[in-house]
Every structure is written in C-alpha cells, then in structure tokens.
Amino acid sequence: MERYLITTESYIYAKDEKAAKSLAGYVQGVQRKRYDNQCCVTRLESAPFGGGFDDTNLIEGEIL
C-alpha cells in the first residue's frame, strides 16, 4: 500500500482561544484514533466574519 499526505483546512467555532485550542486537539485525537494516522494540527488562526484575517499562528511552538 502506498502512503500519501493530505492537507486540509476547517473552520471551528469556539468561545475563546483556549476553547479553540482544546477543540483543535480533540479533532486531532479523533483523526488519529479513527484512521490510525499521525494527524497533527499545525496552525490555528483567528478568522472573524467580515474582518481581515490575522495570520498569527495561535499554537506556534505548542503541542496539542
């Protein structure tokens, strides 16, 4: 069997940065468990409606 890398992006909704980090970690864990893969969240950015994007990585250097 061949091995491939996929890259995806998803929007999540959370009340604050701490909750967003927790949810991102949860999604990562579900992917790892369900598909026995090495899913890793590499970026978490604020993306408010109607505003400009802030490209600051909220998990820079952190492990979820």
PDB file of N, CA and C in Angstrom:
ATOM      1  N   MET A   1       0.838  -1.175   0.000  1.00  0.00           N
ATOM      2  CA  MET A   1       0.000   0.000   0.000  1.00  0.00           C
ATOM      3  C   MET A   1       0.885   1.241   0.000  1.00  0.00           C
ATOM      4  N   GLU A   2       0.515   2.213  -0.818  1.00  0.00           N
ATOM      5  CA  GLU A   2       1.266   3.464  -0.902  1.00  0.00           C
ATOM      6  C   GLU A   2       0.817   4.434   0.192  1.00  0.00           C
ATOM      7  N   ARG A   3       1.678   5.349   0.550  1.00  0.00           N
ATOM      8  CA  ARG A   3       1.380   6.345   1.575  1.00  0.00           C
ATOM      9  C   ARG A   3       1.276   7.721   0.925  1.00  0.00           C
ATOM     10  N   TYR A   4       0.267   8.507   1.347  1.00  0.00           N
ATOM     11  CA  TYR A   4       0.031   9.839   0.799  1.00  0.00           C
ATOM     12  C   TYR A   4      -0.184  10.822   1.938  1.00  0.00           C
ATOM     13  N   LEU A   5       0.102  12.075   1.675  1.00  0.00           N
ATOM     14  CA  LEU A   5      -0.123  13.154   2.635  1.00  0.00           C
ATOM     15  C   LEU A   5      -1.263  14.025   2.126  1.00  0.00           C
ATOM     16  N   ILE A   6      -2.253  14.288   2.982  1.00  0.00           N
ATOM     17  CA  ILE A   6      -3.313  15.218   2.615  1.00  0.00           C
ATOM     18  C   ILE A   6      -3.215  16.442   3.525  1.00  0.00           C
ATOM     19  N   THR A   7      -3.585  17.574   2.986  1.00  0.00           N
ATOM     20  CA  THR A   7      -3.618  18.806   3.759  1.00  0.00           C
ATOM     21  C   THR A   7      -5.036  19.355   3.676  1.00  0.00           C
ATOM     22  N   THR A   8      -5.638  19.636   4.820  1.00  0.00           N
ATOM     23  CA  THR A   8      -6.999  20.157   4.840  1.00  0.00           C
ATOM     24  C   THR A   8      -7.078  21.384   5.740  1.00  0.00           C
ATOM     25  N   GLU A   9      -8.129  22.164   5.552  1.00  0.00           N
ATOM     26  CA  GLU A   9      -8.405  23.296   6.420  1.00  0.00           C
ATOM     27  C   GLU A   9      -9.860  23.219   6.832  1.00  0.00           C
ATOM     28  N   SER A  10     -10.158  23.564   8.062  1.00  0.00           N
ATOM     29  CA  SER A  10     -11.529  23.543   8.572  1.00  0.00           C
ATOM     30  C   SER A  10     -11.764  24.760   9.448  1.00  0.00           C
ATOM     31  N   TYR A  11     -12.995  25.230   9.445  1.00  0.00           N
ATOM     32  CA  TYR A  11     -13.381  26.277  10.388  1.00  0.00           C
ATOM     33  C   TYR A  11     -13.997  25.609  11.609  1.00  0.00           C
ATOM     34  N   ILE A  12     -13.650  26.072  12.786  1.00  0.00           N
ATOM     35  CA  ILE A  12     -14.275  25.608  14.014  1.00  0.00           C
ATOM     36  C   ILE A  12     -14.817  26.832  14.743  1.00  0.00           C
ATOM     37  N   TYR A  13     -15.779  26.621  15.584  1.00  0.00           N
ATOM     38  CA  TYR A  13     -16.370  27.712  16.360  1.00  0.00           C
ATOM     39  C   TYR A  13     -16.116  27.455  17.835  1.00  0.00           C
ATOM     40  N   ALA A  14     -15.606  28.466  18.523  1.00  0.00           N
ATOM     41  CA  ALA A  14     -15.306  28.346  19.946  1.00  0.00           C
ATOM     42  C   ALA A  14     -15.460  29.716  20.599  1.00  0.00           C
ATOM     43  N   LYS A  15     -15.707  29.714  21.913  1.00  0.00           N
ATOM     44  CA  LYS A  15     -15.949  30.982  22.605  1.00  0.00           C
ATOM     45  C   LYS A  15     -14.696  31.805  22.800  1.00  0.00           C
ATOM     46  N   ASP A  16     -13.525  31.163  22.826  1.00  0.00           N
ATOM     47  CA  ASP A  16     -12.275  31.891  23.009  1.00  0.00           C
ATOM     48  C   ASP A  16     -11.101  31.048  22.514  1.00  0.00           C
ATOM     49  N   GLU A  17      -9.908  31.621  22.614  1.00  0.00           N
ATOM     50  CA  GLU A  17      -8.701  30.940  22.107  1.00  0.00           C
ATOM     51  C   GLU A  17      -8.447  29.619  22.825  1.00  0.00           C
ATOM     52  N   LYS A  18      -8.652  29.592  24.130  1.00  0.00           N
ATOM     53  CA  LYS A  18      -8.416  28.366  24.910  1.00  0.00           C
ATOM     54  C   LYS A  18      -9.354  27.244  24.446  1.00  0.00           C
ATOM     55  N   ALA A  19     -10.625  27.587  24.241  1.00  0.00           N
ATOM     56  CA  ALA A  19     -11.591  26.591  23.773  1.00  0.00           C
ATOM     57  C   ALA A  19     -11.259  26.138  22.353  1.00  0.00           C
ATOM     58  N   ALA A  20     -10.779  27.050  21.511  1.00  0.00           N
ATOM     59  CA  ALA A  20     -10.396  26.694  20.140  1.00  0.00           C
ATOM     60  C   ALA A  20      -9.217  25.720  20.140  1.00  0.00           C
ATOM     61  N   LYS A  21      -8.249  25.964  21.011  1.00  0.00           N
ATOM     62  CA  LYS A  21      -7.105  25.047  21.115  1.00  0.00           C
ATOM     63  C   LYS A  21      -7.558  23.672  21.581  1.00  0.00           C
ATOM     64  N   SER A  22      -8.472  23.650  22.547  1.00  0.00           N
ATOM     65  CA  SER A  22      -8.987  22.385  23.056  1.00  0.00           C
ATOM     66  C   SER A  22      -9.730  21.618  21.973  1.00  0.00           C
ATOM     67  N   LEU A  23     -10.570  22.302  21.221  1.00  0.00           N
ATOM     68  CA  LEU A  23     -11.316  21.658  20.146  1.00  0.00           C
ATOM     69  C   LEU A  23     -10.381  21.165  19.042  1.00  0.00           C
ATOM     70  N   ALA A  24      -9.378  21.946  18.704  1.00  0.00           N
ATOM     71  CA  ALA A  24      -8.398  21.523  17.691  1.00  0.00           C
ATOM     72  C   ALA A  24      -7.680  20.249  18.146  1.00  0.00           C
ATOM     73  N   GLY A  25      -7.325  20.190  19.414  1.00  0.00           N
ATOM     74  CA  GLY A  25      -6.691  18.986  19.952  1.00  0.00           C
ATOM     75  C   GLY A  25      -7.619  17.785  19.910  1.00  0.00           C
ATOM     76  N   TYR A  26      -8.899  18.033  20.190  1.00  0.00           N
ATOM     77  CA  TYR A  26      -9.884  16.952  20.136  1.00  0.00           C
ATOM     78  C   TYR A  26     -10.021  16.407  18.708  1.00  0.00           C
ATOM     79  N   VAL A  27     -10.153  17.305  17.740  1.00  0.00           N
ATOM     80  CA  VAL A  27     -10.284  16.895  16.332  1.00  0.00           C
ATOM     81  C   VAL A  27      -9.053  16.090  15.913  1.00  0.00           C
ATOM     82  N   GLN A  28      -7.883  16.554  16.313  1.00  0.00           N
ATOM     83  CA  GLN A  28      -6.636  15.849  16.010  1.00  0.00           C
ATOM     84  C   GLN A  28      -6.674  14.440  16.599  1.00  0.00           C
ATOM     85  N   GLY A  29      -7.110  14.304  17.839  1.00  0.00           N
ATOM     86  CA  GLY A  29      -7.171  13.000  18.502  1.00  0.00           C
ATOM     87  C   GLY A  29      -8.157  12.049  17.840  1.00  0.00           C
ATOM     88  N   VAL A  30      -9.304  12.561  17.443  1.00  0.00           N
ATOM     89  CA  VAL A  30     -10.300  11.731  16.766  1.00  0.00           C
ATOM     90  C   VAL A  30      -9.736  11.203  15.452  1.00  0.00           C
ATOM     91  N   GLN A  31      -9.081  12.064  14.694  1.00  0.00           N
ATOM     92  CA  GLN A  31      -8.477  11.632  13.428  1.00  0.00           C
ATOM     93  C   GLN A  31      -7.435  10.543  13.670  1.00  0.00           C
ATOM     94  N   ARG A  32      -6.606  10.735  14.661  1.00  0.00           N
ATOM     95  CA  ARG A  32      -5.565   9.737  14.950  1.00  0.00           C
ATOM     96  C   ARG A  32      -6.175   8.397  15.331  1.00  0.00           C
ATOM     97  N   LYS A  33      -7.200   8.438  16.169  1.00  0.00           N
ATOM     98  CA  LYS A  33      -7.819   7.195  16.640  1.00  0.00           C
ATOM     99  C   LYS A  33      -8.614   6.516  15.534  1.00  0.00           C
ATOM    100  N   ARG A  34      -9.410   7.283  14.807  1.00  0.00           N
ATOM    101  CA  ARG A  34     -10.296   6.718  13.795  1.00  0.00           C
ATOM    102  C   ARG A  34      -9.525   6.143  12.616  1.00  0.00           C
ATOM    103  N   TYR A  35      -8.486   6.832  12.178  1.00  0.00           N
ATOM    104  CA  TYR A  35      -7.785   6.430  10.962  1.00  0.00           C
ATOM    105  C   TYR A  35      -6.380   5.906  11.204  1.00  0.00           C
ATOM    106  N   ASP A  36      -5.993   5.772  12.456  1.00  0.00           N
ATOM    107  CA  ASP A  36      -4.658   5.274  12.805  1.00  0.00           C
ATOM    108  C   ASP A  36      -3.580   6.009  12.013  1.00  0.00           C
ATOM    109  N   ASN A  37      -3.719   7.336  11.963  1.00  0.00           N
ATOM    110  CA  ASN A  37      -2.751   8.135  11.222  1.00  0.00           C
ATOM    111  C   ASN A  37      -1.995   9.048  12.176  1.00  0.00           C
ATOM    112  N   GLN A  38      -1.188   9.882  11.673  1.00  0.00           N
ATOM    113  CA  GLN A  38      -0.408  10.790  12.501  1.00  0.00           C
ATOM    114  C   GLN A  38      -0.881  12.226  12.282  1.00  0.00           C
ATOM    115  N   CYS A  39      -2.197  12.420  12.376  1.00  0.00           N
ATOM    116  CA  CYS A  39      -2.785  13.740  12.208  1.00  0.00           C
ATOM    117  C   CYS A  39      -2.157  14.716  13.194  1.00  0.00           C
ATOM    118  N   CYS A  40      -1.827  15.894  12.710  1.00  0.00           N
ATOM    119  CA  CYS A  40      -1.180  16.902  13.539  1.00  0.00           C
ATOM    120  C   CYS A  40      -1.696  18.288  13.155  1.00  0.00           C
ATOM    121  N   VAL A  41      -2.261  19.005  14.124  1.00  0.00           N
ATOM    122  CA  VAL A  41      -2.700  20.370  13.877  1.00  0.00           C
ATOM    123  C   VAL A  41      -1.456  21.250  13.863  1.00  0.00           C
ATOM    124  N   THR A  42      -1.241  21.970  12.762  1.00  0.00           N
ATOM    125  CA  THR A  42      -0.027  22.779  12.627  1.00  0.00           C
ATOM    126  C   THR A  42      -0.293  24.275  12.712  1.00  0.00           C
ATOM    127  N   ARG A  43      -1.537  24.696  12.486  1.00  0.00           N
ATOM    128  CA  ARG A  43      -1.881  26.119  12.554  1.00  0.00           C
ATOM    129  C   ARG A  43      -3.269  26.278  13.159  1.00  0.00           C
ATOM    130  N   LEU A  44      -3.430  27.348  13.912  1.00  0.00           N
ATOM    131  CA  LEU A  44      -4.724  27.772  14.425  1.00  0.00           C
ATOM    132  C   LEU A  44      -4.737  29.285  14.313  1.00  0.00           C
ATOM    133  N   GLU A  45      -5.666  29.812  13.521  1.00  0.00           N
ATOM    134  CA  GLU A  45      -5.721  31.256  13.273  1.00  0.00           C
ATOM    135  C   GLU A  45      -7.119  31.778  13.557  1.00  0.00           C
ATOM    136  N   SER A  46      -7.217  33.010  13.975  1.00  0.00           N
ATOM    137  CA  SER A  46      -8.500  33.674  14.143  1.00  0.00           C
ATOM    138  C   SER A  46      -9.028  34.051  12.765  1.00  0.00           C
ATOM    139  N   ALA A  47     -10.335  33.804  12.532  1.00  0.00           N
ATOM    140  CA  ALA A  47     -10.937  34.097  11.221  1.00  0.00           C
ATOM    141  C   ALA A  47     -12.331  34.677  11.419  1.00  0.00           C
ATOM    142  N   PRO A  48     -12.430  35.912  11.921  1.00  0.00           N
ATOM    143  CA  PRO A  48     -13.743  36.506  12.178  1.00  0.00           C
ATOM    144  C   PRO A  48     -14.495  36.817  10.875  1.00  0.00           C
ATOM    145  N   PHE A  49     -15.823  36.792  10.965  1.00  0.00           N
ATOM    146  CA  PHE A  49     -16.652  37.138   9.805  1.00  0.00           C
ATOM    147  C   PHE A  49     -16.502  38.619   9.501  1.00  0.00           C
ATOM    148  N   GLY A  50     -16.432  38.950   8.227  1.00  0.00           N
ATOM    149  CA  GLY A  50     -16.421  40.334   7.798  1.00  0.00           C
ATOM    150  C   GLY A  50     -15.169  41.116   8.126  1.00  0.00           C
ATOM    151  N   GLY A  51     -14.172  40.460   8.666  1.00  0.00           N
ATOM    152  CA  GLY A  51     -12.934  41.161   9.001  1.00  0.00           C
ATOM    153  C   GLY A  51     -11.763  40.572   8.257  1.00  0.00           C
ATOM    154  N   GLY A  52     -10.657  41.245   8.347  1.00  0.00           N
ATOM    155  CA  GLY A  52      -9.450  40.714   7.734  1.00  0.00           C
ATOM    156  C   GLY A  52      -8.924  39.530   8.518  1.00  0.00           C
ATOM    157  N   PHE A  53      -8.214  38.677   7.843  1.00  0.00           N
ATOM    158  CA  PHE A  53      -7.626  37.518   8.508  1.00  0.00           C
ATOM    159  C   PHE A  53      -6.362  37.924   9.251  1.00  0.00           C
ATOM    160  N   ASP A  54      -6.189  37.351  10.410  1.00  0.00           N
ATOM    161  CA  ASP A  54      -4.973  37.544  11.191  1.00  0.00           C
ATOM    162  C   ASP A  54      -4.166  36.262  11.015  1.00  0.00           C
ATOM    163  N   ASP A  55      -3.020  36.346  10.371  1.00  0.00           N
ATOM    164  CA  ASP A  55      -2.260  35.133  10.081  1.00  0.00           C
ATOM    165  C   ASP A  55      -1.371  34.681  11.243  1.00  0.00           C
ATOM    166  N   THR A  56      -1.622  35.178  12.445  1.00  0.00           N
ATOM    167  CA  THR A  56      -0.862  34.756  13.615  1.00  0.00           C
ATOM    168  C   THR A  56      -1.226  33.318  13.964  1.00  0.00           C
ATOM    169  N   ASN A  57      -0.230  32.457  14.066  1.00  0.00           N
ATOM    170  CA  ASN A  57      -0.450  31.070  14.436  1.00  0.00           C
ATOM    171  C   ASN A  57      -0.597  31.001  15.960  1.00  0.00           C
ATOM    172  N   LEU A  58      -1.799  30.687  16.438  1.00  0.00           N
ATOM    173  CA  LEU A  58      -2.090  30.683  17.870  1.00  0.00           C
ATOM    174  C   LEU A  58      -1.496  29.494  18.608  1.00  0.00           C
ATOM    175  N   ILE A  59      -0.969  28.520  17.882  1.00  0.00           N
ATOM    176  CA  ILE A  59      -0.367  27.347  18.527  1.00  0.00           C
ATOM    177  C   ILE A  59       1.113  27.207  18.190  1.00  0.00           C
ATOM    178  N   GLU A  60       1.723  28.278  17.753  1.00  0.00           N
ATOM    179  CA  GLU A  60       3.157  28.256  17.398  1.00  0.00           C
ATOM    180  C   GLU A  60       3.967  27.685  18.561  1.00  0.00           C
ATOM    181  N   GLY A  61       4.655  26.592  18.328  1.00  0.00           N
ATOM    182  CA  GLY A  61       5.527  26.000  19.328  1.00  0.00           C
ATOM    183  C   GLY A  61       4.806  25.178  20.390  1.00  0.00           C
ATOM    184  N   GLU A  62       3.481  25.062  20.332  1.00  0.00           N
ATOM    185  CA  GLU A  62       2.736  24.291  21.319  1.00  0.00           C
ATOM    186  C   GLU A  62       2.423  22.908  20.772  1.00  0.00           C
ATOM    187  N   ILE A  63       2.201  21.986  21.678  1.00  0.00           N
ATOM    188  CA  ILE A  63       1.770  20.632  21.325  1.00  0.00           C
ATOM    189  C   ILE A  63       0.362  20.468  21.873  1.00  0.00           C
ATOM    190  N   LEU A  64      -0.568  20.090  21.009  1.00  0.00           N
ATOM    191  CA  LEU A  64      -1.965  19.945  21.446  1.00  0.00           C
ATOM    192  C   LEU A  64      -2.214  18.588  22.043  1.00  0.00           C
TER     193      LEU A  64
END
